Every structure is written in structure tokens, then in C-alpha cells.
Amino acid sequence: MDTLDTLSPPLPGETAARLTLSNGVILHYRRRPASGTRHGVVILLHGLASNLTRWSEFVEHTALQEHFDILRLDLRGHGDSFTRGRLGLREWSEDLLVLLDREGIDRAILVGHSLGAQVAIHFAGRHPSRVAGLVLIDPVFRGALTRYWRPVAWLLPLAWPLVWLIRGLNRLGLRRRHIPVRDLRRLDEITREKLLSRGKQEEMIARYSSPRPDLEYFPTANYLAEYLELLRAVPEPQAIPMPVVVMLSSGITFTDLDRMRGLVGRFPAGELVELPSYHWPLTEKPREVRAAIEEWVMRRFQ
């Protein structure tokens, strides 16, 4: 399946920006100011082995652009924010705090998919005063993992020595000299055109769940570390006081749908939306996801 080995440029009205972190990593992001009266800021967080282009369709078409500033970023280690160094929920959360301070944002609505949802809820647990609300798309709670993923979650920490070994070899020069980036908007468009529109959902699932394509565009050590972080425990729902909407795919995901419904009920101000998709609703159902996010944000924050 063909992809574009380059990130698409900023959309009309967007500005590309960069922020040099204390350890020298350069965080790349894009920002679009509200075209009308500003009611808040929405920050979009992508998933595992992904980058900010996964949100390109959303940013281009969303009605939120009239009243909300919209920021999307390449998390540390992704896209143009490349590094082979340490990354994880703590690092991503602290990077986000630096970004909020840099942009003068007191509180933001965080919208995260999969790993991005984990970053959002981790950040909300550490810095609740900086979060107005959360949109969590297919988050992964350890208490709701499926029968397959439960033992994997317990065994994955054994992979940390392998991560450290690979990073050590990288520092010695044993590494790929060039790792391309990919335009995930284009990939998603091709997937819908060539697979989903022809009823080839199983082929789509096989491709998107396989590590092989991701590893072509992502360092091996980072990929292993991200799976470890994806399955790491995050704050319990009852500890998250701000408004939350959890959007769950009804098909194959990391978690059991019934257990997730129960956990969503523990958020003090939680709501649930179920999507007829697998674990990639931004690819499979972009219009439905966009409409659900817009409805919740406008109802809660306008």
C-alpha cells in the first residue's frame, strides 16, 4: 500500500511551530487560532507510532475551529519530534506542560486516541488545574484488558532490558541512519478507498495491527517502549474530576467493552459514546468521530 514518506504541510490557517525542550529534543506542533470568538483550546494527541498527520482531516473539517484554538503535536519521538532517547507517559506529560506554558494556555481540552488518550489522562492526574476536559478515544485501562492482553501486560515489563540493550547499541552506532516519516492522512484515505469501501475490514485490521509497517517508520526501541507505556497503569477514573467523554470502538480493541462501560461510570463527570469501529476510528469513521467530539465540546464548553 503506497504512502507518502513526508509530512503534509500545515493546513490553511495553521502555523507550524517548534519548541526546544531542556534535553535538546525539538517538539514540533501546529496551531490554528479560532476564527471567531474564542471559547477555549483543544489539543490533539495521536496514538502509538503515529504523528500529527493522523489529525489532519479532523483539523481541516471540524466546526470547532470557529470558537476554539486547535493545537496538534508530534509527541516526543514521533514525526518531526524525533529522538532515540527516553520517552514515556511522564516525559510526554511534562512536554505537554511546557507547551501549555509556552503558548500561555491556562487550561485545555485534551483529545487523545489510544496512546494519546493515556497521555491525556496521565496529564490530567498530574496537572488537573490545567485540564478543562478530556476526550478519550479507545483508552486502555488495565482493569479492562481482554483475556489476551492481560498476561501480555504482566509480561511486557520483562522487555525493558531489551529496550535498554537496543538503545545502547544505537549509541554505539548500530542503528538505521534514516527513518522516514509518513503522512497518515494519506494512508487513511488509501485504506478507506482500497480496503474499507470494498468490505475488506479483516485485511485493514491485519495491516493496522501488524508491527511491520510501523517499524519501517519508527525506531525499534521506541516501539517496544511505547507498548510498555500503553499498558502502564493510569489514574483511576474516580480521581479525574473534570468533564470526560470516553469513545469506545465496539469491535476488536485492547479492552473488554463491558468492563470499559463499567469503568466509564466511575468518572465523576463521565459520558460514553460507542463507535461502530475497531481500534482505528479516526481511520474508519472520521466523520462520526468528528461529529461526536464536536457535539460534546460545544455542549460542554460553549
Protein backbone atom coordinates (compact mmCIF):
# COMPACT_ATOMS: atom_id res chain seq x y z
CA MET A 1 0.00 0.00 0.00
CA ASP A 2 1.55 3.30 -1.11
CA THR A 3 2.12 6.09 1.37
CA LEU A 4 3.79 9.49 1.30
CA ASP A 5 7.14 9.46 3.08
CA THR A 6 6.85 13.06 4.18
CA LEU A 7 4.59 15.01 6.50
CA SER A 8 1.98 17.19 4.81
CA PRO A 9 2.41 20.96 5.25
CA PRO A 10 0.28 23.00 7.64
CA LEU A 11 -3.34 23.42 6.64
CA PRO A 12 -4.72 26.86 5.69
CA GLY A 13 -4.91 28.94 8.84
CA GLU A 14 -2.39 26.73 10.66
CA THR A 15 1.09 27.78 11.71
CA ALA A 16 3.98 25.35 12.19
CA ALA A 17 5.89 25.92 15.43
CA ARG A 18 8.70 24.28 17.36
CA LEU A 19 9.81 24.23 20.95
CA THR A 20 13.26 23.18 22.14
CA LEU A 21 12.98 21.16 25.34
CA SER A 22 15.54 21.22 28.15
CA ASN A 23 17.19 18.00 26.92
CA GLY A 24 17.59 19.35 23.39
CA VAL A 25 14.64 17.49 21.84
CA ILE A 26 12.72 19.76 19.46
CA LEU A 27 8.96 19.44 19.84
CA HIS A 28 7.09 20.20 16.61
CA TYR A 29 3.47 21.25 16.61
CA ARG A 30 0.88 23.15 14.62
CA ARG A 31 -1.62 25.69 15.85
CA ARG A 32 -4.75 27.21 14.37
CA PRO A 33 -6.36 30.14 16.20
CA ALA A 34 -10.13 30.34 16.47
CA SER A 35 -11.67 32.24 13.57
CA GLY A 36 -14.36 33.78 15.80
CA THR A 37 -14.94 34.38 19.49
CA ARG A 38 -12.55 32.12 21.39
CA HIS A 39 -14.09 29.73 23.91
CA GLY A 40 -11.08 27.57 24.66
CA VAL A 41 -8.20 25.48 23.36
CA VAL A 42 -8.31 21.93 22.01
CA ILE A 43 -5.10 19.89 21.91
CA LEU A 44 -4.99 16.74 19.75
CA LEU A 45 -2.80 13.81 20.81
CA HIS A 46 -2.06 10.97 18.39
CA GLY A 47 -1.58 7.28 19.11
CA LEU A 48 1.25 4.74 19.17
CA ALA A 49 3.88 5.03 16.39
CA SER A 50 1.77 7.81 14.89
CA ASN A 51 2.19 11.53 14.27
CA LEU A 52 0.18 14.74 13.98
CA THR A 53 -0.99 13.99 10.40
CA ARG A 54 -3.47 11.46 11.85
CA TRP A 55 -5.49 14.55 12.84
CA SER A 56 -5.24 16.37 9.50
CA GLU A 57 -8.76 15.50 8.34
CA PHE A 58 -10.22 16.47 11.70
CA VAL A 59 -8.48 19.85 11.77
CA GLU A 60 -9.44 20.66 8.19
CA HIS A 61 -13.14 19.91 8.58
CA THR A 62 -14.06 20.48 12.22
CA ALA A 63 -16.59 23.13 13.16
CA LEU A 64 -14.64 23.67 16.38
CA GLN A 65 -12.23 25.91 14.51
CA GLU A 66 -14.66 28.84 14.80
CA HIS A 67 -14.53 29.09 18.60
CA PHE A 68 -11.51 27.03 19.69
CA ASP A 69 -7.81 27.32 19.11
CA ILE A 70 -6.63 23.93 17.87
CA LEU A 71 -3.14 22.56 18.50
CA ARG A 72 -1.79 19.22 17.34
CA LEU A 73 1.69 17.99 18.04
CA ASP A 74 4.18 15.28 17.30
CA LEU A 75 4.76 13.72 20.70
CA ARG A 76 8.40 13.31 21.66
CA GLY A 77 9.88 10.54 19.50
CA HIS A 78 7.28 10.86 16.73
CA GLY A 79 7.16 12.57 13.35
CA ASP A 80 9.37 15.64 13.32
CA SER A 81 9.86 15.49 17.13
CA PHE A 82 12.34 12.67 16.55
CA THR A 83 14.57 11.27 19.28
CA ARG A 84 16.03 7.91 20.17
CA GLY A 85 16.18 8.92 23.82
CA ARG A 86 13.91 8.18 26.74
CA LEU A 87 10.17 8.60 26.25
CA GLY A 88 7.07 7.64 28.20
CA LEU A 89 3.94 8.95 29.89
CA ARG A 90 5.96 11.08 32.30
CA GLU A 91 8.06 12.65 29.54
CA TRP A 92 5.10 13.27 27.23
CA SER A 93 3.11 14.83 30.07
CA GLU A 94 5.93 17.14 31.07
CA ASP A 95 6.43 18.12 27.42
CA LEU A 96 2.75 19.00 27.26
CA LEU A 97 3.05 21.15 30.38
CA VAL A 98 5.97 23.04 28.81
CA LEU A 99 3.92 23.53 25.64
CA LEU A 100 0.95 24.93 27.58
CA ASP A 101 3.24 27.36 29.38
CA ARG A 102 4.94 28.37 26.13
CA GLU A 103 1.59 29.07 24.46
CA GLY A 104 0.13 30.83 27.51
CA ILE A 105 -2.68 28.29 27.84
CA ASP A 106 -4.15 28.10 31.35
CA ARG A 107 -6.46 25.13 30.66
CA ALA A 108 -7.03 22.97 27.60
CA ILE A 109 -9.40 20.31 26.34
CA LEU A 110 -7.24 17.27 25.62
CA VAL A 111 -8.35 14.90 22.86
CA GLY A 112 -6.32 11.69 22.65
CA HIS A 113 -6.57 8.46 20.69
CA SER A 114 -5.18 5.21 22.17
CA LEU A 115 -1.70 6.11 23.46
CA GLY A 116 -2.73 9.76 23.18
CA ALA A 117 -5.64 9.03 25.50
CA GLN A 118 -3.19 7.54 28.00
CA VAL A 119 -1.08 10.70 27.83
CA ALA A 120 -4.20 12.85 28.32
CA ILE A 121 -5.43 11.02 31.42
CA HIS A 122 -1.92 10.78 32.88
CA PHE A 123 -1.50 14.53 32.43
CA ALA A 124 -4.94 15.20 33.94
CA GLY A 125 -3.99 13.17 37.00
CA ARG A 126 -0.75 15.11 37.49
CA HIS A 127 -1.93 18.59 36.47
CA PRO A 128 -5.74 18.72 36.90
CA SER A 129 -5.82 22.51 37.11
CA ARG A 130 -4.52 22.71 33.52
CA VAL A 131 -7.23 20.49 32.01
CA ALA A 132 -10.73 21.73 31.16
CA GLY A 133 -11.95 18.40 29.81
CA LEU A 134 -10.90 15.09 28.28
CA VAL A 135 -11.93 13.26 25.13
CA LEU A 136 -10.54 9.73 25.41
CA ILE A 137 -10.81 7.64 22.24
CA ASP A 138 -10.21 3.94 22.95
CA PRO A 139 -8.20 4.43 26.15
CA VAL A 140 -6.57 1.37 27.70
CA PHE A 141 -7.37 0.67 31.34
CA ARG A 142 -5.52 -2.30 32.80
CA GLY A 143 -8.61 -3.40 34.71
CA ALA A 144 -10.50 -3.85 31.44
CA LEU A 145 -7.88 -5.62 29.31
CA THR A 146 -9.10 -8.58 27.30
CA ARG A 147 -8.15 -12.12 28.21
CA TYR A 148 -5.37 -12.00 25.59
CA TRP A 149 -3.84 -8.69 26.71
CA ARG A 150 -3.97 -9.28 30.48
CA PRO A 151 -0.99 -11.72 30.55
CA VAL A 152 0.80 -9.60 27.96
CA ALA A 153 0.52 -6.60 30.29
CA TRP A 154 2.13 -8.58 33.10
CA LEU A 155 4.93 -9.96 30.91
CA LEU A 156 5.76 -6.84 28.90
CA PRO A 157 7.90 -5.22 31.64
CA LEU A 158 10.37 -8.04 31.03
CA ALA A 159 11.07 -6.31 27.71
CA TRP A 160 12.70 -3.26 29.35
CA PRO A 161 16.19 -4.85 29.31
CA LEU A 162 15.75 -5.36 25.56
CA VAL A 163 14.80 -1.70 25.15
CA TRP A 164 17.91 -0.63 27.08
CA LEU A 165 20.10 -3.02 25.06
CA ILE A 166 18.84 -1.66 21.75
CA ARG A 167 19.32 1.92 22.89
CA GLY A 168 22.85 1.06 23.99
CA LEU A 169 23.59 -0.40 20.57
CA ASN A 170 22.11 2.72 18.97
CA ARG A 171 24.52 4.89 20.95
CA LEU A 172 27.37 2.74 19.66
CA GLY A 173 26.26 3.48 16.11
CA LEU A 174 24.33 0.28 15.37
CA ARG A 175 21.13 1.83 14.06
CA ARG A 176 19.31 2.80 10.92
CA ARG A 177 20.76 6.03 9.57
CA HIS A 178 17.46 7.28 8.19
CA ILE A 179 13.92 6.61 9.38
CA PRO A 180 11.31 8.22 7.13
CA VAL A 181 8.10 9.79 8.34
CA ARG A 182 4.73 9.06 6.76
CA ASP A 183 1.63 11.07 6.02
CA LEU A 184 -1.05 9.17 7.93
CA ARG A 185 -3.86 11.19 6.41
CA ARG A 186 -2.91 9.84 3.01
CA LEU A 187 -2.55 6.34 4.43
CA ASP A 188 -6.04 6.55 5.94
CA GLU A 189 -7.53 7.82 2.68
CA ILE A 190 -5.95 4.95 0.75
CA THR A 191 -7.18 2.46 3.34
CA ARG A 192 -10.76 3.66 3.04
CA GLU A 193 -10.58 3.71 -0.76
CA LYS A 194 -8.90 0.35 -1.35
CA LEU A 195 -9.99 -1.71 1.64
CA LEU A 196 -12.92 -0.41 3.68
CA SER A 197 -15.04 0.67 0.71
CA ARG A 198 -14.64 -2.86 -0.68
CA GLY A 199 -15.59 -4.64 2.52
CA LYS A 200 -12.03 -5.74 3.33
CA GLN A 201 -12.15 -4.92 7.05
CA GLU A 202 -10.17 -8.00 8.03
CA GLU A 203 -7.33 -7.00 5.73
CA MET A 204 -7.38 -3.50 7.22
CA ILE A 205 -7.20 -4.93 10.75
CA ALA A 206 -4.30 -7.19 9.78
CA ARG A 207 -2.34 -4.28 8.31
CA TYR A 208 -3.01 -1.76 11.07
CA SER A 209 -2.33 -4.22 13.89
CA SER A 210 0.89 -5.58 12.37
CA PRO A 211 4.09 -4.07 13.78
CA ARG A 212 5.94 -4.46 10.48
CA PRO A 213 4.69 -1.27 8.74
CA ASP A 214 5.13 0.77 11.93
CA LEU A 215 8.70 -0.39 12.39
CA GLU A 216 9.60 0.89 8.93
CA TYR A 217 8.87 4.38 10.21
CA PHE A 218 9.75 4.11 13.88
CA PRO A 219 12.83 3.15 15.95
CA THR A 220 12.58 -0.38 17.37
CA ALA A 221 13.43 0.60 20.95
CA ASN A 222 10.84 3.38 20.92
CA TYR A 223 8.22 0.99 19.57
CA LEU A 224 8.76 -1.51 22.38
CA ALA A 225 8.82 1.26 24.98
CA GLU A 226 5.53 2.64 23.67
CA TYR A 227 3.75 -0.67 24.11
CA LEU A 228 5.03 -0.75 27.68
CA GLU A 229 3.68 2.75 28.26
CA LEU A 230 0.37 1.98 26.55
CA LEU A 231 -0.31 -0.79 29.07
CA ARG A 232 1.00 1.11 32.09
CA ALA A 233 -1.50 1.89 34.85
CA VAL A 234 -3.04 5.37 34.67
CA PRO A 235 -5.04 7.30 37.27
CA GLU A 236 -8.32 5.68 38.29
CA PRO A 237 -11.45 7.27 36.76
CA GLN A 238 -12.77 8.43 40.14
CA ALA A 239 -9.60 10.54 40.54
CA ILE A 240 -10.37 12.59 37.40
CA PRO A 241 -12.76 15.43 38.36
CA MET A 242 -13.12 17.32 35.06
CA PRO A 243 -15.72 16.50 32.35
CA VAL A 244 -14.75 13.39 30.38
CA VAL A 245 -16.20 11.65 27.36
CA VAL A 246 -14.91 8.18 26.53
CA MET A 247 -15.37 6.98 22.95
CA LEU A 248 -15.14 3.22 22.63
CA SER A 249 -14.86 1.12 19.49
CA SER A 250 -17.34 -1.73 19.55
CA GLY A 251 -15.07 -4.07 17.58
CA ILE A 252 -11.65 -5.56 18.31
CA THR A 253 -9.62 -3.44 20.75
CA PHE A 254 -7.27 -3.94 23.70
CA THR A 255 -10.10 -3.87 26.23
CA ASP A 256 -13.36 -5.62 27.03
CA LEU A 257 -16.29 -3.39 26.11
CA ASP A 258 -18.48 -4.35 29.07
CA ARG A 259 -15.68 -3.72 31.56
CA MET A 260 -14.93 -0.38 29.95
CA ARG A 261 -18.57 0.65 30.25
CA GLY A 262 -18.34 -0.02 33.97
CA LEU A 263 -15.14 1.99 34.33
CA VAL A 264 -16.58 4.94 32.43
CA GLY A 265 -19.35 5.07 35.01
CA ARG A 266 -16.76 5.77 37.71
CA PHE A 267 -15.74 9.16 36.27
CA PRO A 268 -17.42 11.86 38.39
CA ALA A 269 -18.43 13.70 35.20
CA GLY A 270 -18.09 10.97 32.59
CA GLU A 271 -20.02 10.20 29.42
CA LEU A 272 -19.83 7.30 26.99
CA VAL A 273 -20.03 7.18 23.20
CA GLU A 274 -19.78 3.88 21.33
CA LEU A 275 -18.40 3.83 17.80
CA PRO A 276 -19.04 1.12 15.18
CA SER A 277 -15.34 0.60 14.51
CA TYR A 278 -12.29 -1.36 15.58
CA HIS A 279 -9.32 0.37 17.25
CA TRP A 280 -8.77 2.95 14.50
CA PRO A 281 -11.95 5.08 14.40
CA LEU A 282 -10.10 8.12 13.04
CA THR A 283 -9.29 5.97 10.01
CA GLU A 284 -12.54 4.01 9.78
CA LYS A 285 -15.19 6.56 10.81
CA PRO A 286 -13.67 10.06 10.65
CA ARG A 287 -17.00 11.87 10.19
CA GLU A 288 -18.67 10.04 13.07
CA VAL A 289 -15.72 10.69 15.38
CA ARG A 290 -15.60 14.34 14.40
CA ALA A 291 -19.34 14.79 14.97
CA ALA A 292 -19.19 13.13 18.39
CA ILE A 293 -16.26 15.27 19.54
CA GLU A 294 -17.88 18.46 18.26
CA GLU A 295 -21.21 17.73 19.92
CA TRP A 296 -19.62 17.08 23.31
CA VAL A 297 -17.18 20.01 23.22
CA MET A 298 -19.79 22.51 22.05
CA ARG A 299 -22.33 21.33 24.63
CA ARG A 300 -19.83 21.44 27.48
CA PHE A 301 -17.70 24.49 26.68
CA GLN A 302 -19.72 26.97 24.62
